[in-house]
């Protein structure tokens, strides 16, 4: 199979799967994605905060 045929096949499969989700499944998926996004944002800002605290400690 060439690359374009493979891409079309996977895309059609994804659309078919997503189209078959009920409203409860969409809400669950949305909640999961919001949870993952919250984790990533919190981790990033905690990393920045830790980096700043370490830098301030070195200058004292």
C-alpha atoms as a PDB file:
ATOM      1  CA  UNK A   1       0.000   0.000   0.000  1.00  0.00           C
ATOM      2  CA  UNK A   2       1.298   3.430  -0.809  1.00  0.00           C
ATOM      3  CA  UNK A   3       1.367   6.285   1.669  1.00  0.00           C
ATOM      4  CA  UNK A   4      -1.756   8.130   0.457  1.00  0.00           C
ATOM      5  CA  UNK A   5      -3.890   4.982   0.506  1.00  0.00           C
ATOM      6  CA  UNK A   6      -2.711   4.210   4.007  1.00  0.00           C
ATOM      7  CA  UNK A   7      -3.467   7.761   5.191  1.00  0.00           C
ATOM      8  CA  UNK A   8      -6.975   7.649   3.709  1.00  0.00           C
ATOM      9  CA  UNK A   9      -7.607   4.268   5.285  1.00  0.00           C
ATOM     10  CA  UNK A  10      -6.527   5.395   8.753  1.00  0.00           C
ATOM     11  CA  UNK A  11      -8.472   8.659   8.430  1.00  0.00           C
ATOM     12  CA  UNK A  12     -11.656   6.837   7.436  1.00  0.00           C
ATOM     13  CA  UNK A  13     -11.197   4.463  10.346  1.00  0.00           C
ATOM     14  CA  UNK A  14     -10.760   7.351  12.808  1.00  0.00           C
ATOM     15  CA  UNK A  15     -13.839   9.179  11.475  1.00  0.00           C
ATOM     16  CA  UNK A  16     -15.935   6.032  11.693  1.00  0.00           C
ATOM     17  CA  UNK A  17     -14.808   5.405  15.258  1.00  0.00           C
ATOM     18  CA  UNK A  18     -15.427   9.002  16.378  1.00  0.00           C
ATOM     19  CA  UNK A  19     -18.814   9.165  14.655  1.00  0.00           C
ATOM     20  CA  UNK A  20     -19.979   6.151  16.631  1.00  0.00           C
ATOM     21  CA  UNK A  21     -19.374   7.685  20.060  1.00  0.00           C
ATOM     22  CA  UNK A  22     -22.354   8.500  22.262  1.00  0.00           C
ATOM     23  CA  UNK A  23     -22.659  11.803  24.124  1.00  0.00           C
ATOM     24  CA  UNK A  24     -21.488  10.150  27.350  1.00  0.00           C
ATOM     25  CA  UNK A  25     -18.372   8.865  25.629  1.00  0.00           C
ATOM     26  CA  UNK A  26     -17.668  12.318  24.160  1.00  0.00           C
ATOM     27  CA  UNK A  27     -17.983  13.864  27.628  1.00  0.00           C
ATOM     28  CA  UNK A  28     -15.681  11.217  29.104  1.00  0.00           C
ATOM     29  CA  UNK A  29     -13.136  11.804  26.343  1.00  0.00           C
ATOM     30  CA  UNK A  30     -13.336  15.567  26.879  1.00  0.00           C
ATOM     31  CA  UNK A  31     -12.855  15.168  30.619  1.00  0.00           C
ATOM     32  CA  UNK A  32      -9.857  12.927  30.061  1.00  0.00           C
ATOM     33  CA  UNK A  33      -8.279  15.424  27.656  1.00  0.00           C
ATOM     34  CA  UNK A  34      -8.882  18.303  30.086  1.00  0.00           C
ATOM     35  CA  UNK A  35      -7.269  16.237  32.844  1.00  0.00           C
ATOM     36  CA  UNK A  36      -4.205  15.529  30.708  1.00  0.00           C
ATOM     37  CA  UNK A  37      -3.939  19.192  29.721  1.00  0.00           C
ATOM     38  CA  UNK A  38      -4.177  20.245  33.380  1.00  0.00           C
ATOM     39  CA  UNK A  39      -1.432  17.794  34.320  1.00  0.00           C
ATOM     40  CA  UNK A  40       0.873  19.085  31.576  1.00  0.00           C
ATOM     41  CA  UNK A  41       0.299  22.758  32.428  1.00  0.00           C
ATOM     42  CA  UNK A  42       0.813  22.156  36.173  1.00  0.00           C
ATOM     43  CA  UNK A  43       3.958  20.127  35.548  1.00  0.00           C
ATOM     44  CA  UNK A  44       5.382  22.825  33.272  1.00  0.00           C
ATOM     45  CA  UNK A  45       4.730  25.685  35.690  1.00  0.00           C
ATOM     46  CA  UNK A  46       6.032  23.676  38.657  1.00  0.00           C
ATOM     47  CA  UNK A  47       9.187  22.962  36.646  1.00  0.00           C
ATOM     48  CA  UNK A  48       9.620  26.693  35.925  1.00  0.00           C
ATOM     49  CA  UNK A  49       8.987  27.574  39.581  1.00  0.00           C
ATOM     50  CA  UNK A  50      11.546  25.018  40.766  1.00  0.00           C
ATOM     51  CA  UNK A  51      14.094  26.328  38.263  1.00  0.00           C
ATOM     52  CA  UNK A  52      13.593  29.916  39.483  1.00  0.00           C
ATOM     53  CA  UNK A  53      13.885  28.855  43.133  1.00  0.00           C
ATOM     54  CA  UNK A  54      17.126  27.020  42.414  1.00  0.00           C
ATOM     55  CA  UNK A  55      18.545  30.025  40.558  1.00  0.00           C
ATOM     56  CA  UNK A  56      17.628  32.355  43.435  1.00  0.00           C
ATOM     57  CA  UNK A  57      19.276  30.004  45.891  1.00  0.00           C
ATOM     58  CA  UNK A  58      22.528  30.076  43.930  1.00  0.00           C
ATOM     59  CA  UNK A  59      22.690  33.891  43.942  1.00  0.00           C
ATOM     60  CA  UNK A  60      22.296  34.245  47.728  1.00  0.00           C
END
